[in-house]
């Protein structure tokens, strides 16, 4: 993740690299009726939820494929920028399942 991320708000999912694990801090809303942010939350992108970046497009392009629990989602960069992650020092390793539970060949 980028060292340039604001330490108060944490990095965004768009800055995460393939294979990285993180915990969602919050979803950024652009207004009260922000349908994209509401949809992300309805899909399970909620504070405290661990996730893993499974894949990204060539040269860091779209989409970004993330896994939350046993479900995978493909997000555009604009959507991924709305997902704020906890700073690396705030993430406990116990929040993530063992690597053996995820088959990388399904990517």
PDB file of N, CA and C in Angstrom:
ATOM      1  N   UNK A   1       0.834  -1.176   0.000  1.00  0.00           N
ATOM      2  CA  UNK A   1       0.000   0.000   0.000  1.00  0.00           C
ATOM      3  C   UNK A   1       0.875   1.234   0.000  1.00  0.00           C
ATOM      4  N   UNK A   2       0.326   2.287  -0.495  1.00  0.00           N
ATOM      5  CA  UNK A   2       1.085   3.512  -0.673  1.00  0.00           C
ATOM      6  C   UNK A   2       1.439   4.177   0.643  1.00  0.00           C
ATOM      7  N   UNK A   3       2.696   4.602   0.751  1.00  0.00           N
ATOM      8  CA  UNK A   3       3.128   5.333   1.934  1.00  0.00           C
ATOM      9  C   UNK A   3       2.555   6.740   1.933  1.00  0.00           C
ATOM     10  N   UNK A   4       2.041   7.166   0.781  1.00  0.00           N
ATOM     11  CA  UNK A   4       1.494   8.510   0.663  1.00  0.00           C
ATOM     12  C   UNK A   4       0.087   8.621   1.232  1.00  0.00           C
ATOM     13  N   UNK A   5      -0.510   7.511   1.626  1.00  0.00           N
ATOM     14  CA  UNK A   5      -1.869   7.552   2.151  1.00  0.00           C
ATOM     15  C   UNK A   5      -1.904   8.359   3.441  1.00  0.00           C
ATOM     16  N   UNK A   6      -2.986   9.086   3.623  1.00  0.00           N
ATOM     17  CA  UNK A   6      -3.179   9.898   4.815  1.00  0.00           C
ATOM     18  C   UNK A   6      -3.263   8.983   6.033  1.00  0.00           C
ATOM     19  N   UNK A   7      -2.457   9.222   7.047  1.00  0.00           N
ATOM     20  CA  UNK A   7      -2.415   8.343   8.224  1.00  0.00           C
ATOM     21  C   UNK A   7      -3.692   8.429   9.049  1.00  0.00           C
ATOM     22  N   UNK A   8      -4.460   9.511   8.930  1.00  0.00           N
ATOM     23  CA  UNK A   8      -5.715   9.634   9.680  1.00  0.00           C
ATOM     24  C   UNK A   8      -6.806   8.773   9.066  1.00  0.00           C
ATOM     25  N   UNK A   9      -6.826   8.671   7.751  1.00  0.00           N
ATOM     26  CA  UNK A   9      -7.897   7.959   7.088  1.00  0.00           C
ATOM     27  C   UNK A   9      -7.464   6.597   6.567  1.00  0.00           C
ATOM     28  N   UNK A  10      -6.196   6.353   6.498  1.00  0.00           N
ATOM     29  CA  UNK A  10      -5.703   5.079   5.990  1.00  0.00           C
ATOM     30  C   UNK A  10      -5.702   5.044   4.482  1.00  0.00           C
ATOM     31  N   UNK A  11      -5.071   4.036   3.918  1.00  0.00           N
ATOM     32  CA  UNK A  11      -4.997   3.885   2.461  1.00  0.00           C
ATOM     33  C   UNK A  11      -6.353   3.459   1.897  1.00  0.00           C
ATOM     34  N   UNK A  12      -6.479   3.531   0.602  1.00  0.00           N
ATOM     35  CA  UNK A  12      -7.698   3.051  -0.048  1.00  0.00           C
ATOM     36  C   UNK A  12      -7.450   1.672  -0.646  1.00  0.00           C
ATOM     37  N   UNK A  13      -8.520   0.988  -0.949  1.00  0.00           N
ATOM     38  CA  UNK A  13      -8.412  -0.322  -1.584  1.00  0.00           C
ATOM     39  C   UNK A  13      -7.735  -0.204  -2.946  1.00  0.00           C
ATOM     40  N   UNK A  14      -7.899   0.920  -3.620  1.00  0.00           N
ATOM     41  CA  UNK A  14      -7.267   1.122  -4.930  1.00  0.00           C
ATOM     42  C   UNK A  14      -5.748   1.118  -4.836  1.00  0.00           C
ATOM     43  N   UNK A  15      -5.199   1.398  -3.660  1.00  0.00           N
ATOM     44  CA  UNK A  15      -3.754   1.427  -3.461  1.00  0.00           C
ATOM     45  C   UNK A  15      -3.182   0.069  -3.076  1.00  0.00           C
ATOM     46  N   UNK A  16      -4.046  -0.879  -2.732  1.00  0.00           N
ATOM     47  CA  UNK A  16      -3.598  -2.193  -2.271  1.00  0.00           C
ATOM     48  C   UNK A  16      -3.037  -3.006  -3.431  1.00  0.00           C
ATOM     49  N   UNK A  17      -2.050  -3.811  -3.139  1.00  0.00           N
ATOM     50  CA  UNK A  17      -1.424  -4.670  -4.151  1.00  0.00           C
ATOM     51  C   UNK A  17      -2.015  -6.064  -4.117  1.00  0.00           C
ATOM     52  N   UNK A  18      -1.848  -6.764  -5.213  1.00  0.00           N
ATOM     53  CA  UNK A  18      -2.320  -8.151  -5.314  1.00  0.00           C
ATOM     54  C   UNK A  18      -1.720  -8.981  -4.184  1.00  0.00           C
ATOM     55  N   UNK A  19      -2.546  -9.782  -3.542  1.00  0.00           N
ATOM     56  CA  UNK A  19      -2.102 -10.644  -2.462  1.00  0.00           C
ATOM     57  C   UNK A  19      -2.144  -9.993  -1.096  1.00  0.00           C
ATOM     58  N   UNK A  20      -2.359  -8.682  -1.035  1.00  0.00           N
ATOM     59  CA  UNK A  20      -2.369  -8.013   0.265  1.00  0.00           C
ATOM     60  C   UNK A  20      -3.678  -8.268   0.992  1.00  0.00           C
ATOM     61  N   UNK A  21      -3.590  -8.196   2.303  1.00  0.00           N
ATOM     62  CA  UNK A  21      -4.751  -8.385   3.179  1.00  0.00           C
ATOM     63  C   UNK A  21      -4.934  -7.103   3.961  1.00  0.00           C
ATOM     64  N   UNK A  22      -6.186  -6.789   4.242  1.00  0.00           N
ATOM     65  CA  UNK A  22      -6.474  -5.556   4.961  1.00  0.00           C
ATOM     66  C   UNK A  22      -7.820  -5.695   5.669  1.00  0.00           C
ATOM     67  N   UNK A  23      -8.125  -4.697   6.478  1.00  0.00           N
ATOM     68  CA  UNK A  23      -9.410  -4.622   7.161  1.00  0.00           C
ATOM     69  C   UNK A  23     -10.049  -3.297   6.769  1.00  0.00           C
ATOM     70  N   UNK A  24     -11.320  -3.334   6.453  1.00  0.00           N
ATOM     71  CA  UNK A  24     -12.034  -2.129   6.032  1.00  0.00           C
ATOM     72  C   UNK A  24     -12.212  -1.198   7.222  1.00  0.00           C
ATOM     73  N   UNK A  25     -11.846   0.071   7.040  1.00  0.00           N
ATOM     74  CA  UNK A  25     -12.068   1.099   8.057  1.00  0.00           C
ATOM     75  C   UNK A  25     -13.458   1.697   7.869  1.00  0.00           C
ATOM     76  N   UNK A  26     -13.757   2.127   6.650  1.00  0.00           N
ATOM     77  CA  UNK A  26     -15.076   2.676   6.325  1.00  0.00           C
ATOM     78  C   UNK A  26     -15.207   2.887   4.820  1.00  0.00           C
ATOM     79  N   UNK A  27     -16.415   3.180   4.405  1.00  0.00           N
ATOM     80  CA  UNK A  27     -16.704   3.515   3.008  1.00  0.00           C
ATOM     81  C   UNK A  27     -16.941   5.017   2.954  1.00  0.00           C
ATOM     82  N   UNK A  28     -16.289   5.683   2.024  1.00  0.00           N
ATOM     83  CA  UNK A  28     -16.472   7.120   1.880  1.00  0.00           C
ATOM     84  C   UNK A  28     -17.744   7.400   1.079  1.00  0.00           C
ATOM     85  N   UNK A  29     -18.593   8.244   1.639  1.00  0.00           N
ATOM     86  CA  UNK A  29     -19.839   8.659   0.992  1.00  0.00           C
ATOM     87  C   UNK A  29     -19.650  10.050   0.413  1.00  0.00           C
ATOM     88  N   UNK A  30     -20.179  10.288  -0.789  1.00  0.00           N
ATOM     89  CA  UNK A  30     -20.081  11.616  -1.392  1.00  0.00           C
ATOM     90  C   UNK A  30     -21.329  12.444  -1.117  1.00  0.00           C
ATOM     91  N   UNK A  31     -22.273  11.882  -0.409  1.00  0.00           N
ATOM     92  CA  UNK A  31     -23.511  12.578  -0.050  1.00  0.00           C
ATOM     93  C   UNK A  31     -24.462  11.604   0.601  1.00  0.00           C
ATOM     94  N   UNK A  32     -25.589  12.117   1.044  1.00  0.00           N
ATOM     95  CA  UNK A  32     -26.561  11.287   1.752  1.00  0.00           C
ATOM     96  C   UNK A  32     -27.147  10.190   0.862  1.00  0.00           C
ATOM     97  N   UNK A  33     -27.344  10.491  -0.406  1.00  0.00           N
ATOM     98  CA  UNK A  33     -27.941   9.522  -1.329  1.00  0.00           C
ATOM     99  C   UNK A  33     -26.902   8.910  -2.262  1.00  0.00           C
ATOM    100  N   UNK A  34     -25.741   8.576  -1.742  1.00  0.00           N
ATOM    101  CA  UNK A  34     -24.651   8.011  -2.538  1.00  0.00           C
ATOM    102  C   UNK A  34     -24.937   6.531  -2.787  1.00  0.00           C
ATOM    103  N   UNK A  35     -25.480   6.218  -3.957  1.00  0.00           N
ATOM    104  CA  UNK A  35     -25.903   4.844  -4.247  1.00  0.00           C
ATOM    105  C   UNK A  35     -24.724   3.881  -4.370  1.00  0.00           C
ATOM    106  N   UNK A  36     -23.576   4.358  -4.839  1.00  0.00           N
ATOM    107  CA  UNK A  36     -22.415   3.471  -4.955  1.00  0.00           C
ATOM    108  C   UNK A  36     -21.939   3.045  -3.568  1.00  0.00           C
ATOM    109  N   UNK A  37     -21.810   3.994  -2.654  1.00  0.00           N
ATOM    110  CA  UNK A  37     -21.382   3.669  -1.292  1.00  0.00           C
ATOM    111  C   UNK A  37     -22.403   2.762  -0.605  1.00  0.00           C
ATOM    112  N   UNK A  38     -23.676   3.033  -0.813  1.00  0.00           N
ATOM    113  CA  UNK A  38     -24.718   2.198  -0.217  1.00  0.00           C
ATOM    114  C   UNK A  38     -24.655   0.776  -0.764  1.00  0.00           C
ATOM    115  N   UNK A  39     -24.385   0.646  -2.044  1.00  0.00           N
ATOM    116  CA  UNK A  39     -24.306  -0.686  -2.664  1.00  0.00           C
ATOM    117  C   UNK A  39     -23.091  -1.451  -2.143  1.00  0.00           C
ATOM    118  N   UNK A  40     -21.943  -0.778  -2.025  1.00  0.00           N
ATOM    119  CA  UNK A  40     -20.755  -1.431  -1.471  1.00  0.00           C
ATOM    120  C   UNK A  40     -21.039  -1.965  -0.070  1.00  0.00           C
ATOM    121  N   UNK A  41     -21.701  -1.161   0.754  1.00  0.00           N
ATOM    122  CA  UNK A  41     -22.025  -1.595   2.117  1.00  0.00           C
ATOM    123  C   UNK A  41     -23.007  -2.764   2.103  1.00  0.00           C
ATOM    124  N   UNK A  42     -23.974  -2.724   1.193  1.00  0.00           N
ATOM    125  CA  UNK A  42     -24.949  -3.815   1.094  1.00  0.00           C
ATOM    126  C   UNK A  42     -24.283  -5.128   0.666  1.00  0.00           C
ATOM    127  N   UNK A  43     -23.203  -5.017  -0.111  1.00  0.00           N
ATOM    128  CA  UNK A  43     -22.472  -6.210  -0.552  1.00  0.00           C
ATOM    129  C   UNK A  43     -21.560  -6.784   0.516  1.00  0.00           C
ATOM    130  N   UNK A  44     -21.341  -6.043   1.615  1.00  0.00           N
ATOM    131  CA  UNK A  44     -20.496  -6.556   2.694  1.00  0.00           C
ATOM    132  C   UNK A  44     -19.232  -5.767   2.948  1.00  0.00           C
ATOM    133  N   UNK A  45     -19.046  -4.667   2.248  1.00  0.00           N
ATOM    134  CA  UNK A  45     -17.891  -3.800   2.476  1.00  0.00           C
ATOM    135  C   UNK A  45     -18.213  -2.896   3.666  1.00  0.00           C
ATOM    136  N   UNK A  46     -18.033  -3.437   4.876  1.00  0.00           N
ATOM    137  CA  UNK A  46     -18.387  -2.720   6.102  1.00  0.00           C
ATOM    138  C   UNK A  46     -17.184  -2.651   7.036  1.00  0.00           C
ATOM    139  N   UNK A  47     -17.211  -1.685   7.921  1.00  0.00           N
ATOM    140  CA  UNK A  47     -16.122  -1.474   8.872  1.00  0.00           C
ATOM    141  C   UNK A  47     -15.812  -2.743   9.656  1.00  0.00           C
ATOM    142  N   UNK A  48     -14.523  -3.072   9.741  1.00  0.00           N
ATOM    143  CA  UNK A  48     -14.077  -4.227  10.500  1.00  0.00           C
ATOM    144  C   UNK A  48     -13.991  -5.515   9.711  1.00  0.00           C
ATOM    145  N   UNK A  49     -14.468  -5.511   8.472  1.00  0.00           N
ATOM    146  CA  UNK A  49     -14.472  -6.732   7.664  1.00  0.00           C
ATOM    147  C   UNK A  49     -13.107  -6.942   7.001  1.00  0.00           C
ATOM    148  N   UNK A  50     -12.491  -8.098   7.196  1.00  0.00           N
ATOM    149  CA  UNK A  50     -11.212  -8.378   6.530  1.00  0.00           C
ATOM    150  C   UNK A  50     -11.426  -8.708   5.060  1.00  0.00           C
ATOM    151  N   UNK A  51     -10.460  -8.363   4.241  1.00  0.00           N
ATOM    152  CA  UNK A  51     -10.513  -8.680   2.827  1.00  0.00           C
ATOM    153  C   UNK A  51      -9.125  -8.990   2.317  1.00  0.00           C
ATOM    154  N   UNK A  52      -9.093  -9.566   1.112  1.00  0.00           N
ATOM    155  CA  UNK A  52      -7.827  -9.887   0.454  1.00  0.00           C
ATOM    156  C   UNK A  52      -7.930  -9.496  -1.007  1.00  0.00           C
ATOM    157  N   UNK A  53      -6.876  -8.872  -1.527  1.00  0.00           N
ATOM    158  CA  UNK A  53      -6.840  -8.524  -2.948  1.00  0.00           C
ATOM    159  C   UNK A  53      -6.376  -9.763  -3.697  1.00  0.00           C
ATOM    160  N   UNK A  54      -7.250 -10.325  -4.511  1.00  0.00           N
ATOM    161  CA  UNK A  54      -6.976 -11.567  -5.222  1.00  0.00           C
ATOM    162  C   UNK A  54      -6.238 -11.298  -6.531  1.00  0.00           C
ATOM    163  N   UNK A  55      -6.661 -10.256  -7.250  1.00  0.00           N
ATOM    164  CA  UNK A  55      -6.058  -9.971  -8.561  1.00  0.00           C
ATOM    165  C   UNK A  55      -6.320  -8.531  -8.949  1.00  0.00           C
ATOM    166  N   UNK A  56      -5.502  -8.050  -9.870  1.00  0.00           N
ATOM    167  CA  UNK A  56      -5.729  -6.749 -10.491  1.00  0.00           C
ATOM    168  C   UNK A  56      -5.515  -6.926 -11.983  1.00  0.00           C
ATOM    169  N   UNK A  57      -6.028  -5.981 -12.752  1.00  0.00           N
ATOM    170  CA  UNK A  57      -5.813  -6.023 -14.192  1.00  0.00           C
ATOM    171  C   UNK A  57      -4.337  -5.832 -14.498  1.00  0.00           C
ATOM    172  N   UNK A  58      -3.976  -6.053 -15.745  1.00  0.00           N
ATOM    173  CA  UNK A  58      -2.584  -5.903 -16.175  1.00  0.00           C
ATOM    174  C   UNK A  58      -2.061  -4.511 -15.845  1.00  0.00           C
ATOM    175  N   UNK A  59      -0.865  -4.458 -15.321  1.00  0.00           N
ATOM    176  CA  UNK A  59      -0.188  -3.213 -14.956  1.00  0.00           C
ATOM    177  C   UNK A  59      -1.000  -2.378 -13.968  1.00  0.00           C
ATOM    178  N   UNK A  60      -1.745  -3.044 -13.086  1.00  0.00           N
ATOM    179  CA  UNK A  60      -2.520  -2.349 -12.071  1.00  0.00           C
ATOM    180  C   UNK A  60      -3.820  -1.754 -12.577  1.00  0.00           C
ATOM    181  N   UNK A  61      -4.254  -2.170 -13.755  1.00  0.00           N
ATOM    182  CA  UNK A  61      -5.493  -1.649 -14.332  1.00  0.00           C
ATOM    183  C   UNK A  61      -6.715  -2.301 -13.689  1.00  0.00           C
ATOM    184  N   UNK A  62      -7.871  -1.940 -14.195  1.00  0.00           N
ATOM    185  CA  UNK A  62      -9.116  -2.514 -13.694  1.00  0.00           C
ATOM    186  C   UNK A  62      -9.306  -3.915 -14.234  1.00  0.00           C
ATOM    187  N   UNK A  63     -10.070  -4.756 -13.605  1.00  0.00           N
ATOM    188  CA  UNK A  63     -10.688  -4.551 -12.304  1.00  0.00           C
ATOM    189  C   UNK A  63      -9.751  -4.942 -11.166  1.00  0.00           C
ATOM    190  N   UNK A  64     -10.171  -4.638  -9.960  1.00  0.00           N
ATOM    191  CA  UNK A  64      -9.502  -5.129  -8.755  1.00  0.00           C
ATOM    192  C   UNK A  64     -10.430  -6.206  -8.201  1.00  0.00           C
ATOM    193  N   UNK A  65      -9.916  -7.420  -8.049  1.00  0.00           N
ATOM    194  CA  UNK A  65     -10.728  -8.518  -7.529  1.00  0.00           C
ATOM    195  C   UNK A  65     -10.372  -8.700  -6.068  1.00  0.00           C
ATOM    196  N   UNK A  66     -11.387  -8.582  -5.198  1.00  0.00           N
ATOM    197  CA  UNK A  66     -11.171  -8.734  -3.762  1.00  0.00           C
ATOM    198  C   UNK A  66     -12.060  -9.850  -3.237  1.00  0.00           C
ATOM    199  N   UNK A  67     -11.602 -10.454  -2.160  1.00  0.00           N
ATOM    200  CA  UNK A  67     -12.370 -11.512  -1.523  1.00  0.00           C
ATOM    201  C   UNK A  67     -12.715 -11.087  -0.113  1.00  0.00           C
ATOM    202  N   UNK A  68     -14.008 -11.182   0.208  1.00  0.00           N
ATOM    203  CA  UNK A  68     -14.508 -10.962   1.558  1.00  0.00           C
ATOM    204  C   UNK A  68     -15.199 -12.256   1.949  1.00  0.00           C
ATOM    205  N   UNK A  69     -14.691 -12.922   2.957  1.00  0.00           N
ATOM    206  CA  UNK A  69     -15.220 -14.233   3.312  1.00  0.00           C
ATOM    207  C   UNK A  69     -14.951 -15.193   2.169  1.00  0.00           C
ATOM    208  N   UNK A  70     -15.996 -15.813   1.649  1.00  0.00           N
ATOM    209  CA  UNK A  70     -15.835 -16.745   0.527  1.00  0.00           C
ATOM    210  C   UNK A  70     -16.318 -16.145  -0.792  1.00  0.00           C
ATOM    211  N   UNK A  71     -16.668 -14.862  -0.774  1.00  0.00           N
ATOM    212  CA  UNK A  71     -17.203 -14.204  -1.961  1.00  0.00           C
ATOM    213  C   UNK A  71     -16.177 -13.270  -2.586  1.00  0.00           C
ATOM    214  N   UNK A  72     -16.109 -13.295  -3.914  1.00  0.00           N
ATOM    215  CA  UNK A  72     -15.187 -12.415  -4.643  1.00  0.00           C
ATOM    216  C   UNK A  72     -15.972 -11.345  -5.385  1.00  0.00           C
ATOM    217  N   UNK A  73     -15.386 -10.152  -5.425  1.00  0.00           N
ATOM    218  CA  UNK A  73     -15.993  -9.008  -6.095  1.00  0.00           C
ATOM    219  C   UNK A  73     -14.970  -8.375  -7.021  1.00  0.00           C
ATOM    220  N   UNK A  74     -15.418  -7.934  -8.182  1.00  0.00           N
ATOM    221  CA  UNK A  74     -14.569  -7.182  -9.103  1.00  0.00           C
ATOM    222  C   UNK A  74     -15.014  -5.725  -9.049  1.00  0.00           C
ATOM    223  N   UNK A  75     -14.089  -4.846  -8.688  1.00  0.00           N
ATOM    224  CA  UNK A  75     -14.402  -3.427  -8.539  1.00  0.00           C
ATOM    225  C   UNK A  75     -13.603  -2.586  -9.520  1.00  0.00           C
ATOM    226  N   UNK A  76     -14.184  -1.481  -9.947  1.00  0.00           N
ATOM    227  CA  UNK A  76     -13.448  -0.488 -10.713  1.00  0.00           C
ATOM    228  C   UNK A  76     -12.580   0.310  -9.740  1.00  0.00           C
ATOM    229  N   UNK A  77     -11.566   0.966 -10.255  1.00  0.00           N
ATOM    230  CA  UNK A  77     -10.685   1.784  -9.409  1.00  0.00           C
ATOM    231  C   UNK A  77     -11.463   2.864  -8.665  1.00  0.00           C
ATOM    232  N   UNK A  78     -12.420   3.494  -9.320  1.00  0.00           N
ATOM    233  CA  UNK A  78     -13.218   4.542  -8.676  1.00  0.00           C
ATOM    234  C   UNK A  78     -13.992   4.016  -7.477  1.00  0.00           C
ATOM    235  N   UNK A  79     -14.522   2.815  -7.591  1.00  0.00           N
ATOM    236  CA  UNK A  79     -15.230   2.189  -6.474  1.00  0.00           C
ATOM    237  C   UNK A  79     -14.243   1.818  -5.371  1.00  0.00           C
ATOM    238  N   UNK A  80     -13.101   1.280  -5.760  1.00  0.00           N
ATOM    239  CA  UNK A  80     -12.094   0.855  -4.782  1.00  0.00           C
ATOM    240  C   UNK A  80     -11.529   2.046  -4.002  1.00  0.00           C
ATOM    241  N   UNK A  81     -11.495   3.226  -4.611  1.00  0.00           N
ATOM    242  CA  UNK A  81     -11.005   4.424  -3.904  1.00  0.00           C
ATOM    243  C   UNK A  81     -11.928   4.843  -2.779  1.00  0.00           C
ATOM    244  N   UNK A  82     -13.164   4.402  -2.803  1.00  0.00           N
ATOM    245  CA  UNK A  82     -14.118   4.743  -1.743  1.00  0.00           C
ATOM    246  C   UNK A  82     -13.949   3.856  -0.508  1.00  0.00           C
ATOM    247  N   UNK A  83     -13.264   2.727  -0.668  1.00  0.00           N
ATOM    248  CA  UNK A  83     -13.074   1.779   0.437  1.00  0.00           C
ATOM    249  C   UNK A  83     -11.786   2.154   1.164  1.00  0.00           C
ATOM    250  N   UNK A  84     -11.923   2.724   2.359  1.00  0.00           N
ATOM    251  CA  UNK A  84     -10.764   3.085   3.181  1.00  0.00           C
ATOM    252  C   UNK A  84     -10.389   1.897   4.048  1.00  0.00           C
ATOM    253  N   UNK A  85      -9.094   1.648   4.141  1.00  0.00           N
ATOM    254  CA  UNK A  85      -8.578   0.512   4.906  1.00  0.00           C
ATOM    255  C   UNK A  85      -7.908   1.004   6.178  1.00  0.00           C
ATOM    256  N   UNK A  86      -7.888   0.170   7.169  1.00  0.00           N
ATOM    257  CA  UNK A  86      -7.156   0.503   8.397  1.00  0.00           C
ATOM    258  C   UNK A  86      -5.671   0.541   8.095  1.00  0.00           C
ATOM    259  N   UNK A  87      -4.961   1.384   8.812  1.00  0.00           N
ATOM    260  CA  UNK A  87      -3.506   1.459   8.660  1.00  0.00           C
ATOM    261  C   UNK A  87      -2.922   0.098   9.017  1.00  0.00           C
ATOM    262  N   UNK A  88      -1.822  -0.306   8.363  1.00  0.00           N
ATOM    263  CA  UNK A  88      -1.251  -1.638   8.597  1.00  0.00           C
ATOM    264  C   UNK A  88      -1.002  -1.966  10.066  1.00  0.00           C
ATOM    265  N   UNK A  89      -0.618  -1.011  10.877  1.00  0.00           N
ATOM    266  CA  UNK A  89      -0.359  -1.261  12.293  1.00  0.00           C
ATOM    267  C   UNK A  89      -1.605  -1.589  13.091  1.00  0.00           C
ATOM    268  N   UNK A  90      -2.788  -1.283  12.536  1.00  0.00           N
ATOM    269  CA  UNK A  90      -4.053  -1.527  13.233  1.00  0.00           C
ATOM    270  C   UNK A  90      -4.646  -2.891  12.927  1.00  0.00           C
ATOM    271  N   UNK A  91      -4.051  -3.622  11.997  1.00  0.00           N
ATOM    272  CA  UNK A  91      -4.625  -4.875  11.534  1.00  0.00           C
ATOM    273  C   UNK A  91      -4.011  -6.043  12.288  1.00  0.00           C
ATOM    274  N   UNK A  92      -4.855  -6.828  12.918  1.00  0.00           N
ATOM    275  CA  UNK A  92      -4.386  -8.024  13.630  1.00  0.00           C
ATOM    276  C   UNK A  92      -4.384  -9.210  12.679  1.00  0.00           C
ATOM    277  N   UNK A  93      -3.327  -9.975  12.685  1.00  0.00           N
ATOM    278  CA  UNK A  93      -3.213 -11.141  11.802  1.00  0.00           C
ATOM    279  C   UNK A  93      -4.330 -12.144  12.060  1.00  0.00           C
ATOM    280  N   UNK A  94      -4.856 -12.184  13.273  1.00  0.00           N
ATOM    281  CA  UNK A  94      -5.909 -13.137  13.615  1.00  0.00           C
ATOM    282  C   UNK A  94      -7.211 -12.862  12.880  1.00  0.00           C
ATOM    283  N   UNK A  95      -7.340 -11.697  12.261  1.00  0.00           N
ATOM    284  CA  UNK A  95      -8.575 -11.351  11.563  1.00  0.00           C
ATOM    285  C   UNK A  95      -8.716 -12.094  10.242  1.00  0.00           C
ATOM    286  N   UNK A  96      -7.679 -12.780   9.797  1.00  0.00           N
ATOM    287  CA  UNK A  96      -7.697 -13.417   8.492  1.00  0.00           C
ATOM    288  C   UNK A  96      -7.668 -14.923   8.609  1.00  0.00           C
ATOM    289  N   UNK A  97      -8.367 -15.616   7.705  1.00  0.00           N
ATOM    290  CA  UNK A  97      -8.331 -17.077   7.701  1.00  0.00           C
ATOM    291  C   UNK A  97      -6.970 -17.565   7.223  1.00  0.00           C
ATOM    292  N   UNK A  98      -6.617 -18.796   7.552  1.00  0.00           N
ATOM    293  CA  UNK A  98      -5.352 -19.352   7.058  1.00  0.00           C
ATOM    294  C   UNK A  98      -5.331 -19.365   5.538  1.00  0.00           C
ATOM    295  N   UNK A  99      -4.144 -19.202   4.956  1.00  0.00           N
ATOM    296  CA  UNK A  99      -4.017 -19.157   3.505  1.00  0.00           C
ATOM    297  C   UNK A  99      -4.548 -20.418   2.840  1.00  0.00           C
ATOM    298  N   UNK A 100      -4.501 -21.537   3.508  1.00  0.00           N
ATOM    299  CA  UNK A 100      -4.928 -22.783   2.913  1.00  0.00           C
ATOM    300  C   UNK A 100      -6.412 -22.848   2.587  1.00  0.00           C
ATOM    301  N   UNK A 101      -7.222 -21.918   3.085  1.00  0.00           N
ATOM    302  CA  UNK A 101      -8.651 -21.962   2.836  1.00  0.00           C
ATOM    303  C   UNK A 101      -9.049 -21.379   1.490  1.00  0.00           C
ATOM    304  N   UNK A 102      -8.121 -20.726   0.815  1.00  0.00           N
ATOM    305  CA  UNK A 102      -8.431 -20.071  -0.444  1.00  0.00           C
ATOM    306  C   UNK A 102      -7.602 -20.699  -1.553  1.00  0.00           C
ATOM    307  N   UNK A 103      -8.280 -21.159  -2.593  1.00  0.00           N
ATOM    308  CA  UNK A 103      -7.595 -21.772  -3.727  1.00  0.00           C
ATOM    309  C   UNK A 103      -7.287 -20.692  -4.746  1.00  0.00           C
ATOM    310  N   UNK A 104      -6.013 -20.326  -4.890  1.00  0.00           N
ATOM    311  CA  UNK A 104      -5.590 -19.273  -5.795  1.00  0.00           C
ATOM    312  C   UNK A 104      -5.873 -19.610  -7.258  1.00  0.00           C
ATOM    313  N   UNK A 105      -6.030 -20.885  -7.600  1.00  0.00           N
ATOM    314  CA  UNK A 105      -6.269 -21.268  -8.998  1.00  0.00           C
ATOM    315  C   UNK A 105      -7.629 -20.839  -9.486  1.00  0.00           C
ATOM    316  N   UNK A 106      -8.526 -20.456  -8.589  1.00  0.00           N
ATOM    317  CA  UNK A 106      -9.861 -20.022  -8.972  1.00  0.00           C
ATOM    318  C   UNK A 106      -9.875 -18.590  -9.459  1.00  0.00           C
ATOM    319  N   UNK A 107      -8.755 -17.920  -9.452  1.00  0.00           N
ATOM    320  CA  UNK A 107      -8.678 -16.512  -9.833  1.00  0.00           C
ATOM    321  C   UNK A 107      -9.040 -16.315 -11.282  1.00  0.00           C
TER     322      UNK A 107
END
